[in-house]
Structure formats: structure tokens, C-alpha cells
Amino acid sequence: MQAVSESIIRKEYERKVNECIENSQQAIENSFKNIDAILDELLNNECNWINVITSQKQQQQELPNVNSNILHKFQDDNFQKQICEEVTSLIKINIQHQVQKKEEQYQELIKQNQTQLEHQIKQNDSQINSQTIEQSSALVATQSNLKPFTYQLIKQNSIKLDQWCYAIAVNKDCSILIAGCNSQIKVFEFIQGILRQVQILSEHGSSIRYFISGSQDSSMIIWARNQNNSWICQQILNGHTYSIYCLLLNNNEDYIVSGSQDSKIKFWQKQNGQLCSQTITHHTNPVLGLSFHEQQNILISCGQDNQLNKQWIVIQKITVEQLGYRLCFIDNNTFTFYPNSRQYINVFEMNNTNKQYTKIKDIPVKSGIDNFFFASQYLKSKCRLVNKNGSNVSLIRKKQNGEFMIEESIEFGTYYIFGQMTDDGQYLITWDIQSKEIQIRKYQEK
């Protein structure tokens, strides 16, 4: 690649140098013609002047010395030749200077191009190496995702909680766990599957749901850490008139979406001081579930009115056979919806022609009486779907051909189960009314 570029540049340079020499030669020939014309004119003028002097010779005994010198000079046959030689020498020196200057510019251009080519080669090599590493990692991850797995209960790490624990959330780096216990929020340090309680927050007037937290008193609270590393109430958001049932925080953490028993979906933007920027009122009964797709510019919701909506401008309403408590985007074109107490999970897919979602298949699961507050999760990096159905938590793997396969179904003996899987897929953390424990299960390949 580098040799080809240098060859092209050298040929272009040689062409321009030859063109410059040809133009210079033409200019020299024109200059010689002009010099000859000027010399002829000068000689003619001098001859006329000499004739005048000769006619006046009787009145003047001798010519001025300067005129004699001029006459002698123009009578010299080598004068024209000397001028031409001097002019030619000057022109040759000028050409050599220009050629040398062009050669220096050419060498500098070659040097710059060589530097750019070396930088481009290094950059390409780096990109190739990165892509190779990514592809290798993706291959390893894909191979790992194809293996059967289970989540093994770490019994010694369980923590007894007699209070109802309606919500569990873990931060992205899996270092902090938040549990909503009635009117309190309990903050735990979470290290390698071990919990250590570090703080209790008591700002809400009724049962806590999420962190950012919402409660049955219709308020939401944004919590922040102070200089002492303790969590404090930063802001209270009021706008709903009944209990908060579901909350979403986008990846950029600059807006919150809330769904409520008052049938409304509200958007709270950070740039507006976390004031409500939009309210969706298309549901006629409580909003039970929310989910963003990958690009986070489409939101789906489900409600007790048996309606599925795509927001913010509602572009589709889907009537379903049975109300559902949870739904989840798998990718930009696919989402799942679990109808209450049914023995299957619906899979919806976008039609490429009309851009509308329709049900394409079902995933068979165990069924039973159900409740909400345990949102479905899909971990794209693990091709893993977590879905609570009745008294079971189903762990489902998405295969390479797009089919879904249940790897494990954990039976809790009660449908009052609340929990979350960590973003890295290593831990499943739950609380249920039967054990009254925060239980931690760790991923294991079979």
C-alpha cells in the first residue's frame, strides 16, 4: 500500500518537473528572441547616431570618450553572445534553485505521507486487534451461553427479614443492594455474594417499592450519597394520585418513567429539575409494567385494562386476552409479555412492513396465581431471560436460532416473590413470604 502511494506521488512529481522544465525552456527561447530584438533596435539607433556624428565631424574634431566606448562596445561581435551566456547562466541557476526547492518539498511530502501511512497502519492494526479480541470474547461468551446452567442457593449467605420486602435492586457494579421493606429502605454492601447492612432510610409514609423509590403514598424519592457516604433524601417527586407500581431509569440517568395505580405514566426529566415533562393517559386501569427497548426511544407498558402500549406518542395499542404483570424487550424488534396465571409467555415481534408488533409464538412455563412487583429482565450479554410466573421464577435462554428454552424453573411455594438478577448474571437475589429471607443464588454451569 505504501509502495504504491510513493510510486504514484513520484510519477506525479516527475510529470510536474518535466512540465516546469519545458515551460522554462520556452521562456528562455522567448527571452532570447526578445533580447535579439532589443539588441537589433539598439544597434540601429547607434548606427543612426554615428551617422549624425560623422556629418558633424567637421564642426567637432573628435567624439566624446563615452560615445567612443559605446561604439567600440557595440562593434564588438562577442557582445550579444556574452549577454546570452550571462542570461542563460542566471536562468539555469534559477531553474536549479526551483528544482532543488521542489525536490525538498517532494521529500517532505514523502515523509509526511510515510508518517500518515505508518499511523494509519498502526491504527488499522489496533482496530483489527480490537475486533479480533471482541470477536474472540463474543465467541467465548456465545459458547458459554450455550452451556446448560443452574442457580445454586448459597444458604449461609441468606439474611432473615420478617418485614415484607417488596423490591430489591442492585447497582451496575454489583457493590450495593437496596431492599424496600414496608416503609423502610435497607441499604446493604454486596461483595462476592455476601450482604452487610450499612444503613436504614425512613422517608416514605407507606410501603417502599423501588430505589429511586416509590410508595403507596404516591410519592417518589431520589436518594443521593452525602460526604459521609450515607444516603439522604435529595428530592421528593409528587404527581401521581395513587400508589407507584413500576419505575424505570434510563441508561443515561437523565429521566425517570413511573407507572401508577392512577392509570398514568409520567416522565420526569433531569434537565427540568426532575419535574414531570409528560403524562400518558391511554391506560384506563393501573399500569403494571414498563420496559425500554435497546435504543431506549421506545417504551412498552402493560396495564390491568388488558392493553399493551408503545409510548411516548402512542403508535400502537395491542389488546391481549388477559391482563399481565410483566413484559420485557429482548431486542429492538422483539418483546415478551406474561399473561396473568397462564401457562405460557407471549413473544411479540415487529412486522418489517407495517412496523407493528404481533404475537408470533409462546414459551411454555409453569402457571399459578400471580402478583406484580417482580419485573422481567433480559440480559443481552448472557442471552438470558428472567420471568416470574406464579410461584416459580423461570430462567430462560435465548438460542442462536431465536428459540427460547427454559434452563431452570425455581419453585418457591408462594407467589409472593420479589427480586432481581445482577447485571453480570452471576447472582439471582430474591425475598419470598414463605422463607422471609433475602436469598442469594449463584450462577453455575452444569
Protein backbone atom coordinates (compact mmCIF):
# COMPACT_ATOMS: atom_id res chain seq x y z
CA MET A 1 0.00 0.00 0.00
CA GLN A 2 2.85 2.38 0.95
CA ALA A 3 4.95 1.48 -2.16
CA VAL A 4 2.02 2.10 -4.49
CA SER A 5 1.34 5.51 -2.92
CA GLU A 6 5.02 6.57 -3.21
CA SER A 7 5.17 5.42 -6.86
CA ILE A 8 2.09 7.48 -7.73
CA ILE A 9 3.47 10.56 -5.95
CA ARG A 10 6.90 10.18 -7.66
CA LYS A 11 5.32 9.90 -11.14
CA GLU A 12 3.18 12.94 -10.48
CA TYR A 13 6.25 14.85 -9.26
CA GLU A 14 8.31 13.87 -12.36
CA ARG A 15 5.47 14.97 -14.61
CA LYS A 16 5.32 18.38 -12.91
CA VAL A 17 9.15 18.81 -13.04
CA ASN A 18 9.22 17.98 -16.78
CA GLU A 19 6.37 20.38 -17.34
CA CYS A 20 8.28 23.07 -15.42
CA ILE A 21 11.48 22.47 -17.47
CA GLU A 22 9.54 22.64 -20.76
CA ASN A 23 7.92 25.92 -19.68
CA SER A 24 11.33 27.27 -18.63
CA GLN A 25 12.90 26.31 -21.97
CA GLN A 26 10.08 28.01 -23.82
CA ALA A 27 10.55 31.08 -21.63
CA ILE A 28 14.31 31.06 -22.35
CA GLU A 29 13.72 30.90 -26.11
CA ASN A 30 11.21 33.76 -25.88
CA SER A 31 13.70 35.72 -23.77
CA PHE A 32 16.45 35.20 -26.37
CA LYS A 33 14.13 36.42 -29.12
CA ASN A 34 13.28 39.49 -27.07
CA ILE A 35 16.97 40.14 -26.38
CA ASP A 36 17.81 39.82 -30.10
CA ALA A 37 15.05 42.28 -30.97
CA ILE A 38 16.24 44.76 -28.34
CA LEU A 39 19.88 44.44 -29.47
CA ASP A 40 18.89 44.99 -33.11
CA GLU A 41 16.97 48.08 -32.09
CA LEU A 42 19.91 49.37 -30.05
CA LEU A 43 22.37 48.75 -32.92
CA ASN A 44 20.12 50.53 -35.40
CA ASN A 45 19.79 53.50 -33.05
CA GLU A 46 23.57 53.62 -32.54
CA CYS A 47 24.25 53.44 -36.26
CA ASN A 48 21.92 56.37 -36.88
CA TRP A 49 23.60 58.27 -34.09
CA ILE A 50 27.07 57.54 -35.58
CA ASN A 51 25.92 58.84 -38.96
CA VAL A 52 24.79 62.07 -37.30
CA ILE A 53 28.17 62.38 -35.59
CA THR A 54 30.02 61.77 -38.90
CA SER A 55 28.07 64.53 -40.65
CA GLN A 56 29.05 66.88 -37.83
CA LYS A 57 32.68 65.77 -37.86
CA GLN A 58 33.86 68.97 -39.44
CA GLN A 59 32.44 71.02 -36.59
CA GLN A 60 33.75 68.68 -33.95
CA GLN A 61 37.23 67.27 -34.05
CA GLU A 62 36.59 64.15 -32.03
CA LEU A 63 33.74 62.20 -30.43
CA PRO A 64 33.23 62.13 -26.68
CA ASN A 65 35.06 59.31 -24.96
CA VAL A 66 31.80 57.78 -23.76
CA ASN A 67 30.48 57.63 -27.33
CA SER A 68 33.67 56.00 -28.49
CA ASN A 69 33.32 53.45 -25.73
CA ILE A 70 29.71 52.73 -26.69
CA LEU A 71 30.64 52.49 -30.34
CA HIS A 72 33.51 50.19 -29.50
CA LYS A 73 31.24 48.11 -27.32
CA PHE A 74 28.54 47.65 -29.94
CA GLN A 75 31.11 46.98 -32.61
CA ASP A 76 32.33 44.01 -30.54
CA ASP A 77 30.98 40.86 -32.20
CA ASN A 78 31.02 38.90 -28.89
CA PHE A 79 28.76 41.33 -27.03
CA GLN A 80 25.47 39.62 -27.90
CA LYS A 81 26.98 36.23 -27.18
CA GLN A 82 28.21 37.38 -23.77
CA ILE A 83 24.80 38.73 -22.81
CA CYS A 84 23.13 35.49 -23.88
CA GLU A 85 25.58 33.43 -21.87
CA GLU A 86 25.07 35.55 -18.77
CA VAL A 87 21.26 35.42 -19.08
CA THR A 88 21.36 31.67 -19.75
CA SER A 89 23.53 31.13 -16.68
CA LEU A 90 21.15 33.12 -14.50
CA ILE A 91 18.14 31.20 -15.83
CA LYS A 92 19.90 27.87 -15.26
CA ILE A 93 20.73 28.85 -11.70
CA ASN A 94 17.11 29.86 -11.14
CA ILE A 95 15.87 26.54 -12.59
CA GLN A 96 18.28 24.58 -10.41
CA HIS A 97 17.05 26.50 -7.38
CA GLN A 98 13.43 25.79 -8.27
CA VAL A 99 14.19 22.10 -8.90
CA GLN A 100 16.03 21.86 -5.58
CA LYS A 101 13.11 23.55 -3.82
CA LYS A 102 10.63 21.18 -5.46
CA GLU A 103 12.82 18.22 -4.51
CA GLU A 104 12.82 19.35 -0.88
CA GLN A 105 9.03 19.77 -0.97
CA TYR A 106 8.71 16.34 -2.54
CA GLN A 107 10.88 14.72 0.14
CA GLU A 108 8.88 16.49 2.86
CA LEU A 109 5.64 15.28 1.26
CA ILE A 110 7.01 11.72 1.09
CA LYS A 111 7.99 11.98 4.77
CA GLN A 112 4.53 13.26 5.77
CA ASN A 113 2.78 10.57 3.74
CA GLN A 114 5.03 7.92 5.21
CA THR A 115 4.22 9.14 8.73
CA GLN A 116 0.49 9.19 7.94
CA LEU A 117 0.68 5.73 6.38
CA GLU A 118 2.55 4.36 9.40
CA HIS A 119 -0.04 5.93 11.71
CA GLN A 120 -2.88 4.53 9.59
CA ILE A 121 -1.27 1.08 9.56
CA LYS A 122 -0.88 1.17 13.35
CA GLN A 123 -4.48 2.35 13.72
CA ASN A 124 -5.73 -0.39 11.40
CA ASP A 125 -3.67 -2.98 13.26
CA SER A 126 -5.11 -1.72 16.55
CA GLN A 127 -8.67 -1.88 15.18
CA ILE A 128 -8.05 -5.37 13.80
CA ASN A 129 -6.65 -6.48 17.17
CA SER A 130 -9.62 -4.93 19.00
CA GLN A 131 -12.08 -6.56 16.62
CA THR A 132 -10.27 -9.87 16.99
CA ILE A 133 -10.40 -9.59 20.78
CA GLU A 134 -14.09 -8.59 20.67
CA GLN A 135 -14.92 -11.43 18.29
CA SER A 136 -12.97 -13.87 20.45
CA SER A 137 -14.72 -12.59 23.56
CA ALA A 138 -18.08 -12.76 21.80
CA LEU A 139 -17.28 -16.31 20.66
CA VAL A 140 -16.30 -17.32 24.19
CA ALA A 141 -19.42 -15.61 25.57
CA THR A 142 -21.60 -17.30 22.96
CA GLN A 143 -20.07 -20.68 23.70
CA SER A 144 -20.57 -20.05 27.41
CA ASN A 145 -24.19 -19.00 26.83
CA LEU A 146 -24.85 -22.30 25.04
CA LYS A 147 -23.98 -24.34 28.09
CA PRO A 148 -26.70 -25.56 30.50
CA PHE A 149 -26.75 -23.68 33.80
CA THR A 150 -28.37 -23.52 37.21
CA TYR A 151 -28.52 -21.03 40.09
CA GLN A 152 -27.32 -22.65 43.30
CA LEU A 153 -28.66 -21.29 46.62
CA ILE A 154 -25.88 -20.04 48.95
CA LYS A 155 -27.72 -20.89 52.14
CA GLN A 156 -25.14 -19.44 54.54
CA ASN A 157 -25.45 -16.02 52.86
CA SER A 158 -29.22 -15.71 53.38
CA ILE A 159 -30.46 -12.88 55.63
CA LYS A 160 -33.65 -13.15 57.68
CA LEU A 161 -36.14 -10.32 57.06
CA ASP A 162 -39.53 -10.63 58.76
CA GLN A 163 -40.73 -7.37 57.13
CA TRP A 164 -42.30 -7.59 53.69
CA CYS A 165 -39.62 -6.89 51.08
CA TYR A 166 -41.47 -5.63 48.01
CA ALA A 167 -38.47 -4.57 45.96
CA ILE A 168 -34.79 -5.48 45.53
CA ALA A 169 -32.34 -3.54 43.36
CA VAL A 170 -28.59 -3.90 42.75
CA ASN A 171 -26.34 -1.23 41.22
CA LYS A 172 -24.41 -1.80 37.99
CA ASP A 173 -21.11 -2.85 39.56
CA CYS A 174 -22.92 -5.18 41.98
CA SER A 175 -21.50 -3.47 45.08
CA ILE A 176 -24.72 -2.13 46.65
CA LEU A 177 -28.08 -3.80 47.22
CA ILE A 178 -31.23 -1.88 48.14
CA ALA A 179 -34.26 -3.58 49.71
CA GLY A 180 -37.65 -1.90 50.14
CA CYS A 181 -39.07 -3.24 53.41
CA ASN A 182 -42.51 -1.81 54.26
CA SER A 183 -41.85 1.88 55.00
CA GLN A 184 -38.06 1.49 55.19
CA ILE A 185 -35.26 1.18 52.69
CA LYS A 186 -32.39 -1.04 53.81
CA VAL A 187 -29.01 -0.46 52.21
CA PHE A 188 -26.55 -3.38 52.03
CA GLU A 189 -22.95 -3.64 50.95
CA PHE A 190 -22.81 -6.53 48.46
CA ILE A 191 -19.41 -8.19 47.98
CA GLN A 192 -18.97 -11.60 46.33
CA GLY A 193 -22.44 -12.72 47.27
CA ILE A 194 -22.23 -11.60 50.90
CA LEU A 195 -24.58 -8.90 52.30
CA ARG A 196 -23.73 -6.46 55.07
CA GLN A 197 -26.35 -3.91 56.14
CA VAL A 198 -24.92 -0.38 56.29
CA GLN A 199 -27.93 1.96 56.55
CA ILE A 200 -31.71 2.21 57.02
CA LEU A 201 -33.69 5.01 55.33
CA SER A 202 -37.15 6.02 56.54
CA GLU A 203 -38.61 8.82 54.48
CA HIS A 204 -41.71 7.27 52.92
CA GLY A 205 -45.05 7.13 54.68
CA SER A 206 -46.02 3.74 53.32
CA SER A 207 -44.56 0.58 51.76
CA ILE A 208 -41.43 1.21 49.62
CA ARG A 209 -41.25 -0.20 46.09
CA TYR A 210 -38.07 0.87 44.29
CA PHE A 211 -34.85 2.85 44.63
CA ILE A 212 -35.21 5.52 43.11
CA SER A 213 -38.12 4.68 45.40
CA GLY A 214 -41.86 4.92 45.04
CA SER A 215 -44.53 4.07 47.55
CA GLN A 216 -48.22 3.59 48.25
CA ASP A 217 -48.45 7.23 49.31
CA SER A 218 -47.95 8.15 45.57
CA SER A 219 -44.61 9.89 46.16
CA MET A 220 -41.19 9.12 44.71
CA ILE A 221 -37.85 9.93 46.30
CA ILE A 222 -34.47 10.42 44.67
CA TRP A 223 -31.70 9.35 47.03
CA ALA A 224 -28.11 10.60 46.92
CA ARG A 225 -24.94 9.99 48.90
CA ASN A 226 -23.57 12.77 51.11
CA GLN A 227 -19.98 13.49 52.10
CA ASN A 228 -20.20 10.90 54.88
CA ASN A 229 -21.07 8.24 52.28
CA SER A 230 -24.59 7.98 53.68
CA TRP A 231 -27.76 8.01 51.61
CA ILE A 232 -30.01 11.03 52.05
CA CYS A 233 -33.27 12.21 50.50
CA GLN A 234 -32.28 14.53 47.65
CA GLN A 235 -35.69 15.27 46.15
CA ILE A 236 -39.33 14.22 46.51
CA LEU A 237 -41.39 13.89 43.33
CA ASN A 238 -45.15 14.33 43.63
CA GLY A 239 -47.57 13.97 40.73
CA HIS A 240 -49.37 10.67 40.92
CA THR A 241 -52.53 10.34 42.98
CA TYR A 242 -52.24 6.64 43.89
CA SER A 243 -49.56 4.03 44.57
CA ILE A 244 -46.46 3.76 42.38
CA TYR A 245 -46.38 0.29 40.76
CA CYS A 246 -43.37 0.48 38.43
CA LEU A 247 -40.33 2.70 37.85
CA LEU A 248 -37.68 2.93 35.12
CA LEU A 249 -34.44 4.91 35.00
CA ASN A 250 -32.86 5.23 31.54
CA ASN A 251 -29.21 4.32 30.91
CA ASN A 252 -28.10 7.97 30.83
CA GLU A 253 -29.88 8.50 34.14
CA ASP A 254 -31.39 11.76 32.93
CA TYR A 255 -35.07 10.83 33.11
CA ILE A 256 -37.39 8.60 35.10
CA VAL A 257 -40.58 6.87 33.94
CA SER A 258 -43.22 5.95 36.51
CA GLY A 259 -46.40 3.86 36.25
CA SER A 260 -49.13 4.13 38.84
CA GLN A 261 -52.37 2.76 40.16
CA ASP A 262 -53.89 6.03 38.90
CA SER A 263 -53.56 4.59 35.32
CA LYS A 264 -51.00 7.21 34.31
CA ILE A 265 -47.43 7.04 33.01
CA LYS A 266 -45.29 10.05 33.85
CA PHE A 267 -41.90 11.18 32.53
CA TRP A 268 -39.58 13.11 34.85
CA GLN A 269 -36.64 14.87 33.16
CA LYS A 270 -33.43 15.84 34.92
CA GLN A 271 -32.96 18.95 32.77
CA ASN A 272 -36.29 20.22 34.08
CA GLY A 273 -35.21 19.75 37.69
CA GLN A 274 -36.88 16.32 37.67
CA LEU A 275 -40.25 17.94 37.05
CA CYS A 276 -42.88 15.98 35.19
CA SER A 277 -42.43 16.69 31.47
CA GLN A 278 -45.16 14.42 30.05
CA THR A 279 -48.11 12.35 31.20
CA ILE A 280 -49.59 9.46 29.21
CA THR A 281 -53.22 8.68 29.99
CA HIS A 282 -54.03 5.92 27.47
CA HIS A 283 -54.46 3.22 30.11
CA THR A 284 -57.84 3.06 31.83
CA ASN A 285 -56.66 0.89 34.75
CA PRO A 286 -53.47 0.63 36.86
CA VAL A 287 -50.15 0.50 34.98
CA LEU A 288 -48.40 -2.73 36.00
CA GLY A 289 -45.26 -2.95 33.86
CA LEU A 290 -42.79 -0.86 31.82
CA SER A 291 -39.84 -1.74 29.58
CA PHE A 292 -37.40 0.14 27.31
CA HIS A 293 -36.01 -1.39 24.15
CA GLU A 294 -32.25 -1.32 23.39
CA GLN A 295 -32.10 2.19 21.91
CA GLN A 296 -34.36 3.45 24.70
CA ASN A 297 -36.52 5.53 22.36
CA ILE A 298 -39.45 3.10 22.53
CA LEU A 299 -41.27 2.21 25.74
CA ILE A 300 -43.87 -0.52 26.18
CA SER A 301 -46.34 -0.66 29.04
CA CYS A 302 -48.96 -3.11 30.24
CA GLY A 303 -51.95 -2.43 32.45
CA GLN A 304 -54.88 -4.00 34.19
CA ASP A 305 -57.04 -2.92 31.24
CA ASN A 306 -55.52 -5.70 29.10
CA GLN A 307 -53.74 -3.13 26.91
CA LEU A 308 -50.14 -3.00 25.68
CA ASN A 309 -48.92 0.44 24.61
CA LYS A 310 -45.87 1.75 22.82
CA GLN A 311 -45.03 5.26 24.05
CA TRP A 312 -44.23 8.34 24.05
CA ILE A 313 -46.52 9.14 21.20
CA VAL A 314 -48.73 6.08 21.33
CA ILE A 315 -48.19 4.39 17.98
CA GLN A 316 -49.80 1.03 18.76
CA LYS A 317 -52.26 -0.50 21.19
CA ILE A 318 -52.38 -4.26 21.49
CA THR A 319 -55.41 -5.92 23.04
CA VAL A 320 -54.45 -9.11 24.89
CA GLU A 321 -56.57 -11.97 26.18
CA GLN A 322 -55.56 -11.49 29.79
CA LEU A 323 -54.01 -8.73 31.86
CA GLY A 324 -50.33 -9.21 32.58
CA TYR A 325 -47.96 -8.00 35.27
CA ARG A 326 -44.67 -8.07 33.39
CA LEU A 327 -43.21 -7.55 29.94
CA CYS A 328 -39.67 -7.12 28.63
CA PHE A 329 -37.87 -6.10 25.43
CA ILE A 330 -35.49 -8.79 24.12
CA ASP A 331 -34.14 -6.60 21.30
CA ASN A 332 -35.41 -3.71 19.19
CA ASN A 333 -37.85 -5.95 17.32
CA THR A 334 -38.93 -8.46 19.97
CA PHE A 335 -40.52 -8.37 23.42
CA THR A 336 -42.16 -10.84 25.81
CA PHE A 337 -45.40 -10.49 27.76
CA TYR A 338 -46.64 -12.78 30.53
CA PRO A 339 -50.46 -13.01 30.82
CA ASN A 340 -51.53 -13.50 34.43
CA SER A 341 -51.84 -17.15 35.53
CA ARG A 342 -51.29 -18.52 32.00
CA GLN A 343 -49.03 -21.46 31.13
CA TYR A 344 -47.06 -19.51 28.56
CA ILE A 345 -45.20 -16.30 27.85
CA ASN A 346 -46.22 -14.44 24.67
CA VAL A 347 -43.47 -13.43 22.23
CA PHE A 348 -44.23 -10.37 20.07
CA GLU A 349 -42.22 -9.37 17.01
CA MET A 350 -42.26 -6.28 14.79
CA ASN A 351 -43.53 -6.66 11.24
CA ASN A 352 -40.94 -5.07 8.92
CA THR A 353 -43.64 -3.87 6.53
CA ASN A 354 -46.12 -2.05 8.77
CA LYS A 355 -43.79 -1.67 11.81
CA GLN A 356 -46.47 -3.12 14.09
CA TYR A 357 -45.91 -5.76 16.75
CA THR A 358 -47.82 -9.04 16.59
CA LYS A 359 -47.66 -12.24 18.63
CA ILE A 360 -45.61 -14.90 16.86
CA LYS A 361 -45.26 -17.69 19.44
CA ASP A 362 -45.49 -18.76 23.09
CA ILE A 363 -42.93 -20.00 25.59
CA PRO A 364 -44.44 -22.77 27.77
CA VAL A 365 -43.99 -22.15 31.54
CA LYS A 366 -45.50 -23.32 34.81
CA SER A 367 -48.53 -21.29 35.87
CA GLY A 368 -50.34 -20.23 39.02
CA ILE A 369 -51.84 -17.26 40.82
CA ASP A 370 -49.53 -14.28 40.38
CA ASN A 371 -48.86 -10.74 41.55
CA PHE A 372 -46.71 -7.85 40.39
CA PHE A 373 -43.55 -6.05 41.70
CA PHE A 374 -41.05 -8.55 40.19
CA ALA A 375 -40.14 -7.13 36.78
CA SER A 376 -38.92 -9.36 33.96
CA GLN A 377 -35.27 -8.95 32.95
CA TYR A 378 -33.34 -9.80 29.81
CA LEU A 379 -29.54 -9.87 29.97
CA LYS A 380 -28.40 -9.45 26.37
CA SER A 381 -24.78 -10.36 27.10
CA LYS A 382 -25.94 -13.67 28.59
CA CYS A 383 -28.94 -14.31 26.28
CA ARG A 384 -30.90 -14.87 29.49
CA LEU A 385 -34.50 -14.00 30.38
CA VAL A 386 -35.75 -13.93 33.99
CA ASN A 387 -39.53 -14.18 34.36
CA LYS A 388 -41.67 -14.75 37.46
CA ASN A 389 -44.75 -16.84 36.72
CA GLY A 390 -46.91 -17.72 39.70
CA SER A 391 -44.80 -19.36 42.42
CA ASN A 392 -41.93 -20.01 40.02
CA VAL A 393 -39.04 -17.96 38.71
CA SER A 394 -38.19 -19.17 35.19
CA LEU A 395 -34.64 -18.80 33.86
CA ILE A 396 -34.86 -18.90 30.08
CA ARG A 397 -32.07 -18.95 27.49
CA LYS A 398 -32.47 -17.47 24.02
CA LYS A 399 -30.86 -19.79 21.48
CA GLN A 400 -28.95 -18.69 18.37
CA ASN A 401 -31.90 -19.63 16.16
CA GLY A 402 -34.19 -17.26 18.11
CA GLU A 403 -35.97 -20.00 20.03
CA PHE A 404 -36.35 -19.87 23.83
CA MET A 405 -35.52 -22.72 26.16
CA ILE A 406 -36.19 -22.95 29.90
CA GLU A 407 -32.95 -23.90 31.66
CA GLU A 408 -34.35 -23.83 35.19
CA SER A 409 -37.62 -23.14 36.99
CA ILE A 410 -37.22 -22.38 40.70
CA GLU A 411 -40.27 -23.23 42.84
CA PHE A 412 -40.76 -21.02 45.93
CA GLY A 413 -44.04 -22.43 47.24
CA THR A 414 -45.66 -18.97 47.18
CA TYR A 415 -46.43 -16.34 44.57
CA TYR A 416 -45.26 -13.55 46.91
CA ILE A 417 -41.76 -13.43 45.45
CA PHE A 418 -39.75 -10.27 44.79
CA GLY A 419 -36.24 -9.95 43.42
CA GLN A 420 -33.71 -9.15 40.71
CA MET A 421 -30.77 -10.67 38.84
CA THR A 422 -27.46 -8.75 38.86
CA ASP A 423 -26.44 -7.17 35.55
CA ASP A 424 -23.49 -9.55 35.18
CA GLY A 425 -25.82 -12.55 35.52
CA GLN A 426 -23.83 -14.01 38.42
CA TYR A 427 -26.45 -13.72 41.16
CA LEU A 428 -30.21 -14.11 41.50
CA ILE A 429 -31.42 -12.34 44.66
CA THR A 430 -34.95 -12.89 45.99
CA TRP A 431 -37.20 -12.47 49.00
CA ASP A 432 -40.36 -14.54 49.48
CA ILE A 433 -43.05 -14.60 52.17
CA GLN A 434 -42.55 -18.30 52.91
CA SER A 435 -38.84 -18.19 53.81
CA LYS A 436 -38.84 -14.50 54.86
CA GLU A 437 -35.22 -14.40 53.76
CA ILE A 438 -33.17 -12.48 51.26
CA GLN A 439 -31.76 -15.46 49.39
CA ILE A 440 -28.75 -15.38 47.09
CA ARG A 441 -28.28 -17.89 44.28
CA LYS A 442 -25.09 -18.04 42.24
CA TYR A 443 -24.75 -18.96 38.56
CA GLN A 444 -23.14 -22.33 37.87
CA GLU A 445 -22.63 -24.22 34.64
CA LYS A 446 -23.85 -27.78 34.70
